[in-house]
Every structure is written in C-alpha cells, then in structure tokens.
C-alpha cells in the first residue's frame, strides 16, 4: 500500500492548532566532529519526526507562552523556518498518513476489529 505525502513549507502555511503532523527538521547533533568518525556527533541532519503543532504553547515550568511552535513527545520545542531562532528548525510539515487501506488517521473502540479484518491479506 502506497501513500503520497504532500510536504508544506513551514514558512508558507502552518498546521491547525493541536495537529499531529510529520515534520522535516534540520539542525546539528551536539558534539564535535572530531569525537568519533562513525558517530553522528557534530553532524548536520535533516530528518522526519512525528510532532504536534500549537498556536499557543504554555511552558509549565516557566509560565512562558510560546506561539506557533512544533513539539514532540519528549517536549522538545522547535520553530518553523523563518520563525524565532532555535537549534532545530522545522522546514516542512505534512499531515500524518491515513491508516493502511483507510481514509482516516484514527479508529477507536468497537470499530477497530472490523477495520483490521477488512484489510486485504497477501499470501
């Protein structure tokens, strides 16, 4: 099953508040390039991570309010390209793909079993 992802530039349009999305993130791993030639230490990266988007994101520890940010399950906050400076920047974002063989991203409760049974099997 294939799905097509539409990447949207983060400096052109932002997701809706609370959206669970995929984000293309660029930055540099901490450390020095001299550390270990095989390690990612000091290397630049551009990778895809699952994240959430918030128009208004209150930081519980400090009481600070951050606007228009992406954050992940570890609570790391990142900003869209063209936004406030940060170590890791979101260049693009995409909607999460639909479930395999479905046109929805989530199914709950009693509808899960029938949806799983309806999937085509390959032998």
Protein backbone atom coordinates (compact mmCIF):
# COMPACT_ATOMS: atom_id res chain seq x y z
CA UNK A 1 0.00 0.00 0.00
CA UNK A 2 1.48 3.31 -1.02
CA UNK A 3 0.58 6.75 0.18
CA UNK A 4 1.62 10.14 -1.16
CA UNK A 5 2.84 12.80 1.22
CA UNK A 6 2.27 16.47 0.49
CA UNK A 7 5.03 18.49 2.15
CA UNK A 8 4.09 22.08 3.01
CA UNK A 9 6.76 24.72 3.61
CA UNK A 10 6.59 25.78 7.25
CA UNK A 11 7.23 29.42 6.31
CA UNK A 12 4.23 29.44 3.94
CA UNK A 13 1.49 27.72 5.95
CA UNK A 14 1.20 26.27 9.44
CA UNK A 15 -0.94 23.32 10.60
CA UNK A 16 -4.12 23.79 12.62
CA UNK A 17 -3.76 24.07 16.39
CA UNK A 18 -3.17 20.71 18.07
CA UNK A 19 -2.47 18.92 14.78
CA UNK A 20 -0.42 15.74 14.93
CA UNK A 21 1.87 16.02 11.93
CA UNK A 22 5.13 14.83 10.42
CA UNK A 23 7.84 17.49 10.48
CA UNK A 24 11.02 17.74 8.43
CA UNK A 25 13.56 19.01 10.96
CA UNK A 26 17.08 20.29 10.34
CA UNK A 27 19.83 21.01 12.83
CA UNK A 28 23.15 19.67 14.05
CA UNK A 29 23.82 16.92 16.56
CA UNK A 30 25.62 18.22 19.64
CA UNK A 31 29.31 17.46 19.98
CA UNK A 32 32.47 17.94 17.98
CA UNK A 33 33.12 16.47 14.55
CA UNK A 34 36.45 15.18 15.91
CA UNK A 35 34.73 12.95 18.52
CA UNK A 36 34.31 9.69 16.60
CA UNK A 37 34.27 9.46 12.81
CA UNK A 38 31.43 6.91 12.94
CA UNK A 39 29.24 8.84 15.38
CA UNK A 40 26.65 11.47 14.48
CA UNK A 41 28.34 13.89 16.87
CA UNK A 42 28.59 17.34 15.29
CA UNK A 43 26.89 16.17 12.07
CA UNK A 44 24.17 18.19 10.37
CA UNK A 45 20.84 16.42 9.88
CA UNK A 46 17.51 16.79 8.10
CA UNK A 47 15.02 14.15 9.17
CA UNK A 48 11.33 13.36 9.61
CA UNK A 49 9.83 13.30 13.12
CA UNK A 50 6.27 12.96 14.37
CA UNK A 51 5.21 16.15 16.19
CA UNK A 52 2.34 18.32 17.31
CA UNK A 53 1.71 21.95 16.43
CA UNK A 54 0.45 24.55 18.87
CA UNK A 55 -0.62 28.13 18.14
CA UNK A 56 -0.24 28.88 21.87
CA UNK A 57 2.05 26.61 23.91
CA UNK A 58 2.32 27.37 27.64
CA UNK A 59 5.57 26.15 29.21
CA UNK A 60 4.54 24.70 32.58
CA UNK A 61 7.97 25.04 34.23
CA UNK A 62 8.45 28.74 33.45
CA UNK A 63 4.95 30.05 32.77
CA UNK A 64 6.26 31.35 29.44
CA UNK A 65 3.89 31.34 26.46
CA UNK A 66 5.36 30.22 23.13
CA UNK A 67 3.46 30.92 19.91
CA UNK A 68 3.38 28.86 16.70
CA UNK A 69 5.68 26.03 17.69
CA UNK A 70 6.12 22.35 16.95
CA UNK A 71 6.80 19.97 19.84
CA UNK A 72 7.42 16.24 20.14
CA UNK A 73 6.54 13.57 22.68
CA UNK A 74 9.73 14.43 24.61
CA UNK A 75 8.54 18.03 24.97
CA UNK A 76 11.26 19.43 22.68
CA UNK A 77 10.03 22.67 21.10
CA UNK A 78 11.04 23.61 17.56
CA UNK A 79 10.07 26.60 15.43
CA UNK A 80 9.18 26.90 11.74
CA UNK A 81 11.82 28.15 9.33
CA UNK A 82 11.70 31.94 9.30
CA UNK A 83 10.44 31.95 12.91
CA UNK A 84 12.36 32.51 16.15
CA UNK A 85 15.91 31.19 16.14
CA UNK A 86 16.33 27.71 17.59
CA UNK A 87 18.80 24.85 17.32
CA UNK A 88 16.45 22.63 15.31
CA UNK A 89 14.21 24.14 12.64
CA UNK A 90 11.08 22.73 11.01
CA UNK A 91 11.46 23.28 7.25
CA UNK A 92 8.30 21.46 6.11
CA UNK A 93 5.35 19.59 7.59
CA UNK A 94 2.85 17.04 6.33
CA UNK A 95 -0.39 15.53 7.51
CA UNK A 96 0.00 12.12 9.09
CA UNK A 97 -0.89 9.43 6.55
CA UNK A 98 -4.20 7.62 6.80
CA UNK A 99 -4.30 4.14 8.28
CA UNK A 100 -3.43 1.38 5.79
CA UNK A 101 -6.31 0.89 3.35
CA UNK A 102 -8.40 3.57 5.09
CA UNK A 103 -9.16 7.24 4.53
CA UNK A 104 -8.93 8.13 8.23
CA UNK A 105 -5.98 8.56 10.61
CA UNK A 106 -7.57 7.05 13.72
CA UNK A 107 -10.18 4.48 14.68
CA UNK A 108 -11.25 3.78 18.25
CA UNK A 109 -13.13 1.14 20.22
CA UNK A 110 -15.52 -1.32 18.63
CA UNK A 111 -14.67 -0.13 15.09
CA UNK A 112 -11.01 -1.30 15.28
CA UNK A 113 -11.64 -5.06 14.91
CA UNK A 114 -13.82 -4.80 11.78
CA UNK A 115 -11.37 -2.33 10.18
CA UNK A 116 -8.42 -4.69 10.77
CA UNK A 117 -10.38 -7.69 9.45
CA UNK A 118 -11.30 -5.74 6.30
CA UNK A 119 -7.64 -5.27 5.31
CA UNK A 120 -6.59 -7.32 2.27
CA UNK A 121 -4.22 -10.20 3.08
CA UNK A 122 -1.23 -11.09 0.94
CA UNK A 123 -0.18 -14.75 0.82
